[in-house]
Amino acid sequence: MSIASFKSAHRLITGQQASSRLSEEILRLGMRCPMVVTDPGVLGSGTLKPITDQLDVLKANGQLTHYRIFSEVSAEPEVHIVEDCMSVYLEAQCDGLIALGGGSAMDIAKCVAVYATHDGDLESLFGEDKARVRGAPLIAMPTTAGTGSEVTNIGILSDTEARMKKGIVNDYLLPDVAIVAPELTVSCPRHVTAASGVDALVHAIEAYLSNFATPITDALAIKAMRLIIKALPKAYANPGNLEAREAMATGSLLAGMAFGNAGVGAVHALAYPLGGRYHLPHGVTNALLLPHVMRWNALACVERFRDIAEALDTAHHALKDEAAAELVVERLHQLCRDVDIPSGLRHFDISEKDIPSLAADAAKVERLLRNNPRQLTQHDIECIYRAAW
């Protein structure tokens, strides 16, 4: 094993009613005028009220001067939303950020946190390690169990001109605090529960198969798989099942810590062009591609598929590795069916004739493809898209 480092949010607060700790963390970080970054769905769901109640108490006690809410975050956030959010942040003279929402809200807040202290334009932050100074204080509070963005150093944005996803990758994006509270996910719509839940499973599986996996990320990934495969159908079938919600929140957190250090691979690389061109939800594109990429990857690391099969509760010790790998693929297909995710790209009006250009775009996502256990050519990527079509 080569030398590896491990990174996560600087402080993790988890468990039922963990959201009640927000006030304490705001004061600990010295925020006097925070901005809450969220989306219209959270705004309309009632999830925001317990948060603003805490902020109102702090303000009444003179511990905050004011706070501002930015709720213009879209499902697949575009570059201009960071600029819009940054303008409001500066105009309101805010001094910290609270991300409340799914991965999109957290990614916007993370990008603004580093942009606020950056001496260049936003474009100059894209890529790896371009920020040079610590950003504004940031608390991340996920309302979905899926992205793991609360513990990763990555912010993903849609570039509408390039019709591609772009990433800011920098350790300064790691939140100061991640508050992972299952009560915040209860109002999550069922289709978002499904897509984000499969996304979390993708994170765990791709981290486990990554060329940069370590014993630490392996342990996190396997535990995440065990939690998610059992809890996701329950959370989808009964959104009020707080035990299932807590298991999903924990599974997503563990998966985020795993892939935040080991990286993700071809599933995400192939998903990026789909999200950039067709504005499909990230979790859905990952779910559509996962079984097909896994079948392709099995040749390179079939022995690791046995571990995945056992984590997904689908294999026994007498089974050969190749058979275990096939069971993994079928189990992933079945999970997507169980939570009503369509089985093919054609269901989203994606033309088969677009596949070559999609493959050309995906082949450029070298930052992720280098993590993948099997080296993929552009032709290989085309084959995967056709299988998923």
Protein backbone atom coordinates (compact mmCIF):
# COMPACT_ATOMS: atom_id res chain seq x y z
CA MET A 1 0.00 0.00 0.00
CA SER A 2 1.36 3.42 -0.96
CA ILE A 3 1.16 6.42 1.37
CA ALA A 4 -2.38 7.80 1.59
CA SER A 5 -4.02 10.68 3.44
CA PHE A 6 -7.62 10.81 4.67
CA LYS A 7 -9.82 13.89 4.50
CA SER A 8 -13.35 14.70 5.60
CA ALA A 9 -15.34 17.55 7.09
CA HIS A 10 -13.48 18.92 10.09
CA ARG A 11 -16.31 18.03 12.49
CA LEU A 12 -19.11 15.47 12.14
CA ILE A 13 -22.35 15.63 14.13
CA THR A 14 -24.74 12.75 13.48
CA GLY A 15 -27.86 11.08 14.82
CA GLN A 16 -31.52 11.87 15.35
CA GLN A 17 -32.11 15.53 16.27
CA ALA A 18 -28.52 16.43 15.38
CA SER A 19 -29.93 19.48 13.58
CA SER A 20 -30.60 21.04 17.02
CA ARG A 21 -26.84 21.54 17.37
CA LEU A 22 -26.73 24.17 14.61
CA SER A 23 -26.82 27.18 16.95
CA GLU A 24 -23.89 25.86 18.95
CA GLU A 25 -21.80 25.38 15.82
CA ILE A 26 -22.65 28.83 14.45
CA LEU A 27 -21.36 30.40 17.65
CA ARG A 28 -18.29 28.17 17.76
CA LEU A 29 -17.31 29.26 14.24
CA GLY A 30 -17.85 32.93 15.11
CA MET A 31 -20.52 33.62 12.49
CA ARG A 32 -22.44 36.86 13.01
CA CYS A 33 -24.31 37.10 9.72
CA PRO A 34 -24.59 33.69 8.00
CA MET A 35 -26.18 32.93 4.66
CA VAL A 36 -28.40 29.85 4.33
CA VAL A 37 -28.03 28.30 0.86
CA THR A 38 -30.96 26.08 -0.08
CA ASP A 39 -33.37 25.26 -2.89
CA PRO A 40 -37.08 25.92 -3.59
CA GLY A 41 -38.06 22.36 -2.66
CA VAL A 42 -36.57 22.62 0.82
CA LEU A 43 -38.01 26.12 1.16
CA GLY A 44 -41.52 24.84 0.45
CA SER A 45 -41.29 21.63 2.48
CA GLY A 46 -41.14 23.11 5.97
CA THR A 47 -37.64 21.71 6.54
CA LEU A 48 -36.19 25.21 6.72
CA LYS A 49 -38.35 26.42 9.63
CA PRO A 50 -36.53 24.63 12.50
CA ILE A 51 -33.32 26.11 11.10
CA THR A 52 -34.60 29.68 10.90
CA ASP A 53 -36.15 29.27 14.35
CA GLN A 54 -32.66 28.68 15.74
CA LEU A 55 -31.31 31.64 13.80
CA ASP A 56 -34.12 33.88 15.08
CA VAL A 57 -33.31 32.95 18.68
CA LEU A 58 -29.65 33.81 18.14
CA LYS A 59 -30.62 37.10 16.55
CA ALA A 60 -33.02 37.97 19.38
CA ASN A 61 -30.22 37.28 21.86
CA GLY A 62 -27.88 39.61 20.02
CA GLN A 63 -25.63 36.74 18.94
CA LEU A 64 -26.36 37.34 15.24
CA THR A 65 -26.71 40.71 13.57
CA HIS A 66 -28.76 39.27 10.71
CA TYR A 67 -28.95 36.32 8.32
CA ARG A 68 -29.83 35.91 4.68
CA ILE A 69 -31.50 33.05 2.75
CA PHE A 70 -30.48 32.24 -0.82
CA SER A 71 -32.89 29.70 -2.31
CA GLU A 72 -32.20 29.95 -6.05
CA VAL A 73 -30.35 26.63 -6.28
CA SER A 74 -31.49 24.36 -9.13
CA ALA A 75 -31.38 20.56 -9.28
CA GLU A 76 -28.31 20.58 -11.55
CA PRO A 77 -26.70 23.91 -10.56
CA GLU A 78 -25.15 26.01 -13.28
CA VAL A 79 -22.06 28.15 -13.02
CA HIS A 80 -24.05 31.39 -12.94
CA ILE A 81 -25.79 30.36 -9.71
CA VAL A 82 -22.46 30.55 -7.88
CA GLU A 83 -22.03 34.08 -9.22
CA ASP A 84 -25.59 35.01 -8.17
CA CYS A 85 -25.13 33.54 -4.71
CA MET A 86 -21.77 35.25 -4.32
CA SER A 87 -23.31 38.63 -5.20
CA VAL A 88 -25.97 38.25 -2.51
CA TYR A 89 -23.37 37.04 0.00
CA LEU A 90 -21.21 40.13 -0.54
CA GLU A 91 -24.09 42.57 -0.71
CA ALA A 92 -25.49 41.28 2.60
CA GLN A 93 -22.01 41.37 4.16
CA CYS A 94 -22.31 37.76 5.28
CA ASP A 95 -19.46 36.03 7.07
CA GLY A 96 -20.32 32.34 6.81
CA LEU A 97 -22.50 29.82 5.01
CA ILE A 98 -25.01 27.15 6.03
CA ALA A 99 -25.79 24.68 3.23
CA LEU A 100 -29.22 23.09 3.70
CA GLY A 101 -30.31 20.76 0.93
CA GLY A 102 -29.10 18.06 -1.41
CA GLY A 103 -25.79 17.96 -3.19
CA SER A 104 -26.64 20.96 -5.34
CA ALA A 105 -27.14 23.33 -2.40
CA MET A 106 -24.02 22.01 -0.69
CA ASP A 107 -21.92 22.30 -3.85
CA ILE A 108 -23.04 25.90 -4.42
CA ALA A 109 -22.24 26.82 -0.82
CA LYS A 110 -18.85 25.09 -0.98
CA CYS A 111 -17.95 26.90 -4.20
CA VAL A 112 -19.02 30.27 -2.76
CA ALA A 113 -17.03 29.59 0.41
CA VAL A 114 -13.76 29.38 -1.55
CA TYR A 115 -14.76 31.96 -4.17
CA ALA A 116 -15.38 34.53 -1.41
CA THR A 117 -11.67 34.55 -0.54
CA HIS A 118 -10.28 33.94 -4.06
CA ASP A 119 -8.50 36.74 -5.90
CA GLY A 120 -9.43 35.50 -9.39
CA ASP A 121 -12.56 34.70 -11.36
CA LEU A 122 -14.63 31.55 -10.87
CA GLU A 123 -13.28 29.90 -14.00
CA SER A 124 -9.78 29.95 -12.53
CA LEU A 125 -10.96 27.67 -9.68
CA PHE A 126 -12.01 24.78 -11.94
CA GLY A 127 -9.69 21.81 -11.73
CA GLU A 128 -7.60 20.56 -8.83
CA ASP A 129 -6.05 22.62 -6.03
CA LYS A 130 -6.52 26.06 -7.59
CA ALA A 131 -7.71 27.82 -4.41
CA ARG A 132 -4.80 29.08 -2.29
CA VAL A 133 -6.47 30.29 0.91
CA ARG A 134 -9.06 28.96 3.34
CA GLY A 135 -12.61 30.00 2.45
CA ALA A 136 -15.47 31.34 4.53
CA PRO A 137 -16.76 29.19 7.43
CA LEU A 138 -19.19 26.52 6.21
CA ILE A 139 -21.73 24.22 7.85
CA ALA A 140 -23.27 21.51 5.64
CA MET A 141 -26.66 19.97 6.50
CA PRO A 142 -27.86 17.41 3.92
CA THR A 143 -31.61 16.94 3.37
CA THR A 144 -31.07 13.94 1.10
CA ALA A 145 -29.16 10.71 1.70
CA GLY A 146 -27.05 10.37 -1.37
CA THR A 147 -24.42 12.83 -2.49
CA GLY A 148 -22.00 12.74 0.44
CA SER A 149 -21.12 16.31 -0.47
CA GLU A 150 -21.06 17.25 3.21
CA VAL A 151 -17.74 15.41 3.62
CA THR A 152 -16.02 15.81 0.24
CA ASN A 153 -13.67 18.40 -1.25
CA ILE A 154 -15.49 18.58 -4.57
CA GLY A 155 -18.04 21.02 -6.00
CA ILE A 156 -19.69 20.07 -9.30
CA LEU A 157 -21.33 22.65 -11.59
CA SER A 158 -22.97 22.54 -15.02
CA ASP A 159 -21.29 24.54 -17.78
CA THR A 160 -24.15 25.24 -20.20
CA GLU A 161 -21.87 26.46 -22.97
CA ALA A 162 -19.66 23.37 -22.88
CA ARG A 163 -22.68 21.16 -22.06
CA MET A 164 -20.55 19.40 -19.47
CA LYS A 165 -20.15 19.12 -15.73
CA LYS A 166 -17.10 20.84 -14.28
CA GLY A 167 -15.54 20.40 -10.87
CA ILE A 168 -13.69 22.48 -8.32
CA VAL A 169 -11.52 20.07 -6.35
CA ASN A 170 -9.75 21.50 -3.34
CA ASP A 171 -9.39 20.63 0.33
CA TYR A 172 -10.60 24.14 1.20
CA LEU A 173 -14.06 22.99 0.04
CA LEU A 174 -14.29 20.58 2.97
CA PRO A 175 -16.98 21.94 5.32
CA ASP A 176 -15.99 23.00 8.80
CA VAL A 177 -18.98 21.08 10.16
CA ALA A 178 -21.26 18.41 8.70
CA ILE A 179 -24.54 17.93 10.57
CA VAL A 180 -26.11 14.70 9.32
CA ALA A 181 -29.59 14.51 10.84
CA PRO A 182 -32.12 11.95 9.56
CA GLU A 183 -35.07 14.22 10.48
CA LEU A 184 -33.96 16.61 7.73
CA THR A 185 -34.49 13.90 5.08
CA VAL A 186 -38.07 12.87 5.96
CA SER A 187 -39.64 15.44 3.63
CA CYS A 188 -37.44 14.34 0.72
CA PRO A 189 -39.68 13.39 -2.27
CA ARG A 190 -39.79 9.66 -3.03
CA HIS A 191 -38.19 9.97 -6.46
CA VAL A 192 -35.32 11.97 -4.93
CA THR A 193 -34.98 9.40 -2.14
CA ALA A 194 -34.62 6.73 -4.85
CA ALA A 195 -32.15 8.55 -7.08
CA SER A 196 -30.00 9.94 -4.28
CA GLY A 197 -30.00 6.58 -2.49
CA VAL A 198 -28.70 4.74 -5.55
CA ASP A 199 -26.17 7.55 -5.99
CA ALA A 200 -24.86 6.82 -2.48
CA LEU A 201 -24.55 3.14 -3.37
CA VAL A 202 -22.62 4.07 -6.52
CA HIS A 203 -20.23 6.10 -4.38
CA ALA A 204 -19.58 3.13 -2.10
CA ILE A 205 -19.12 0.62 -4.94
CA GLU A 206 -16.90 2.85 -7.08
CA ALA A 207 -14.77 3.77 -4.05
CA TYR A 208 -14.32 0.07 -3.27
CA LEU A 209 -13.25 -0.69 -6.85
CA SER A 210 -11.10 2.42 -7.23
CA ASN A 211 -7.43 2.15 -8.10
CA PHE A 212 -6.83 4.42 -5.10
CA ALA A 213 -8.82 2.47 -2.50
CA THR A 214 -7.22 1.94 0.90
CA PRO A 215 -8.12 -0.31 3.86
CA ILE A 216 -9.82 2.70 5.48
CA THR A 217 -11.98 3.56 2.45
CA ASP A 218 -12.71 -0.15 1.92
CA ALA A 219 -14.15 -0.47 5.43
CA LEU A 220 -16.29 2.62 4.98
CA ALA A 221 -17.51 1.52 1.54
CA ILE A 222 -18.49 -2.02 2.60
CA LYS A 223 -20.41 -0.76 5.64
CA ALA A 224 -22.17 1.81 3.46
CA MET A 225 -23.26 -0.89 1.01
CA ARG A 226 -24.64 -3.05 3.84
CA LEU A 227 -26.69 -0.16 5.20
CA ILE A 228 -27.99 1.20 1.91
CA ILE A 229 -29.09 -2.05 0.28
CA LYS A 230 -31.39 -2.78 3.22
CA ALA A 231 -32.55 0.73 4.10
CA LEU A 232 -33.22 2.29 0.70
CA PRO A 233 -36.29 0.19 -0.23
CA LYS A 234 -37.73 0.82 3.25
CA ALA A 235 -37.15 4.60 3.09
CA TYR A 236 -38.65 4.66 -0.41
CA ALA A 237 -41.72 2.61 0.57
CA ASN A 238 -42.32 4.49 3.82
CA PRO A 239 -40.78 8.01 3.83
CA GLY A 240 -41.64 8.44 7.51
CA ASN A 241 -39.57 5.43 8.59
CA LEU A 242 -37.01 7.31 10.68
CA GLU A 243 -34.93 4.21 11.36
CA ALA A 244 -34.50 3.63 7.62
CA ARG A 245 -33.82 7.33 7.11
CA GLU A 246 -31.08 7.25 9.74
CA ALA A 247 -29.50 4.16 8.16
CA MET A 248 -29.56 5.89 4.77
CA ALA A 249 -28.09 9.10 6.19
CA THR A 250 -25.29 7.11 7.81
CA GLY A 251 -24.72 4.98 4.71
CA SER A 252 -24.52 8.08 2.52
CA LEU A 253 -22.10 9.72 4.94
CA LEU A 254 -19.82 6.65 4.99
CA ALA A 255 -19.95 6.38 1.20
CA GLY A 256 -19.08 10.07 0.93
CA MET A 257 -16.05 9.60 3.17
CA ALA A 258 -15.01 6.58 1.09
CA PHE A 259 -15.23 8.17 -2.34
CA GLY A 260 -14.02 11.53 -1.05
CA ASN A 261 -10.68 9.81 -0.53
CA ALA A 262 -10.59 6.89 -2.99
CA GLY A 263 -12.46 8.64 -5.80
CA VAL A 264 -15.20 7.46 -8.14
CA GLY A 265 -14.80 5.98 -11.60
CA ALA A 266 -16.45 5.31 -14.93
CA VAL A 267 -20.06 5.47 -13.73
CA HIS A 268 -19.59 9.12 -12.81
CA ALA A 269 -17.43 9.87 -15.83
CA LEU A 270 -20.15 8.59 -18.16
CA ALA A 271 -22.87 10.32 -16.16
CA TYR A 272 -21.34 13.78 -16.54
CA PRO A 273 -22.20 14.27 -20.25
CA LEU A 274 -25.76 13.03 -19.63
CA GLY A 275 -26.27 15.57 -16.88
CA GLY A 276 -24.59 18.37 -18.82
CA ARG A 277 -26.55 17.83 -22.05
CA TYR A 278 -29.93 16.62 -20.92
CA HIS A 279 -30.08 18.08 -17.40
CA LEU A 280 -30.94 14.69 -15.93
CA PRO A 281 -30.63 14.34 -12.16
CA HIS A 282 -27.19 13.09 -11.21
CA GLY A 283 -28.53 10.19 -9.15
CA VAL A 284 -30.69 8.98 -12.03
CA THR A 285 -27.84 8.98 -14.55
CA ASN A 286 -25.65 7.07 -12.11
CA ALA A 287 -28.41 4.53 -11.52
CA LEU A 288 -28.92 4.02 -15.25
CA LEU A 289 -25.23 3.37 -15.84
CA LEU A 290 -24.21 1.49 -12.70
CA PRO A 291 -25.06 -2.13 -13.65
CA HIS A 292 -23.58 -1.78 -17.13
CA VAL A 293 -20.30 -0.26 -15.97
CA MET A 294 -20.05 -2.91 -13.26
CA ARG A 295 -20.42 -5.71 -15.81
CA TRP A 296 -17.61 -4.09 -17.84
CA ASN A 297 -15.35 -3.63 -14.80
CA ALA A 298 -15.69 -7.18 -13.49
CA LEU A 299 -12.95 -8.49 -15.77
CA ALA A 300 -10.37 -6.25 -14.08
CA CYS A 301 -11.18 -6.99 -10.44
CA VAL A 302 -13.55 -9.93 -10.26
CA GLU A 303 -12.33 -10.96 -6.79
CA ARG A 304 -13.54 -7.64 -5.35
CA PHE A 305 -17.01 -8.33 -6.70
CA ARG A 306 -17.33 -11.23 -4.27
CA ASP A 307 -16.93 -8.76 -1.38
CA ILE A 308 -19.56 -6.50 -2.94
CA ALA A 309 -21.91 -9.43 -3.47
CA GLU A 310 -21.60 -10.39 0.19
CA ALA A 311 -22.18 -6.78 1.28
CA LEU A 312 -25.31 -6.70 -0.88
CA ASP A 313 -26.39 -9.99 0.73
CA THR A 314 -26.45 -11.87 -2.56
CA ALA A 315 -23.60 -14.40 -2.39
CA HIS A 316 -22.37 -17.39 -0.42
CA HIS A 317 -18.78 -18.55 0.04
CA ALA A 318 -19.03 -21.51 -2.35
CA LEU A 319 -19.90 -19.26 -5.27
CA LYS A 320 -17.21 -18.62 -7.88
CA ASP A 321 -16.02 -15.05 -8.32
CA GLU A 322 -17.45 -14.76 -11.84
CA ALA A 323 -20.89 -15.89 -10.65
CA ALA A 324 -20.71 -13.45 -7.72
CA ALA A 325 -19.96 -10.62 -10.16
CA GLU A 326 -23.01 -11.49 -12.23
CA LEU A 327 -25.13 -11.56 -9.09
CA VAL A 328 -23.96 -8.04 -8.24
CA VAL A 329 -25.07 -6.75 -11.64
CA GLU A 330 -28.48 -8.39 -11.34
CA ARG A 331 -28.92 -7.15 -7.76
CA LEU A 332 -28.25 -3.59 -8.90
CA HIS A 333 -30.78 -3.93 -11.72
CA GLN A 334 -33.32 -5.23 -9.19
CA LEU A 335 -32.72 -2.39 -6.75
CA CYS A 336 -33.33 0.19 -9.49
CA ARG A 337 -36.56 -1.61 -10.41
CA ASP A 338 -37.63 -1.70 -6.75
CA VAL A 339 -37.37 2.08 -6.46
CA ASP A 340 -38.92 2.73 -9.88
CA ILE A 341 -35.91 4.11 -11.73
CA PRO A 342 -36.36 3.58 -15.52
CA SER A 343 -34.13 0.92 -17.01
CA GLY A 344 -32.79 2.68 -20.11
CA LEU A 345 -31.56 5.98 -21.50
CA ARG A 346 -34.23 5.80 -24.20
CA HIS A 347 -36.85 6.57 -21.54
CA PHE A 348 -35.37 10.08 -21.31
CA ASP A 349 -35.58 10.82 -25.05
CA ILE A 350 -31.86 10.33 -25.57
CA SER A 351 -31.23 9.39 -29.18
CA GLU A 352 -29.01 6.42 -29.98
CA LYS A 353 -27.27 8.54 -32.59
CA ASP A 354 -25.94 10.78 -29.80
CA ILE A 355 -23.94 7.95 -28.25
CA PRO A 356 -20.65 8.52 -30.17
CA SER A 357 -20.47 12.17 -29.14
CA LEU A 358 -21.45 11.30 -25.57
CA ALA A 359 -18.62 8.78 -25.50
CA ALA A 360 -16.18 11.37 -26.84
CA ASP A 361 -17.14 13.75 -24.03
CA ALA A 362 -16.98 11.06 -21.35
CA ALA A 363 -13.52 9.99 -22.51
CA LYS A 364 -12.27 13.48 -21.60
CA VAL A 365 -13.19 13.05 -17.92
CA GLU A 366 -9.72 11.73 -17.15
CA ARG A 367 -9.82 12.83 -13.50
CA LEU A 368 -12.39 10.08 -12.84
CA LEU A 369 -11.44 7.50 -15.45
CA ARG A 370 -7.98 7.18 -13.93
CA ASN A 371 -9.65 5.80 -10.79
CA ASN A 372 -11.52 3.10 -12.70
CA PRO A 373 -10.17 -0.45 -12.31
CA ARG A 374 -10.51 -1.19 -16.02
CA GLN A 375 -8.98 1.13 -18.57
CA LEU A 376 -11.67 2.23 -21.02
CA THR A 377 -11.23 3.36 -24.60
CA GLN A 378 -13.74 5.62 -26.30
CA HIS A 379 -15.08 2.55 -28.10
CA ASP A 380 -15.54 0.77 -24.77
CA ILE A 381 -17.49 3.73 -23.47
CA GLU A 382 -19.73 3.64 -26.53
CA CYS A 383 -20.46 -0.01 -25.83
CA ILE A 384 -21.48 0.79 -22.27
CA TYR A 385 -23.80 3.59 -23.38
CA ARG A 386 -25.41 1.27 -25.93
CA ALA A 387 -25.96 -1.39 -23.26
CA ALA A 388 -27.58 1.26 -21.06
CA TRP A 389 -29.68 2.68 -23.91
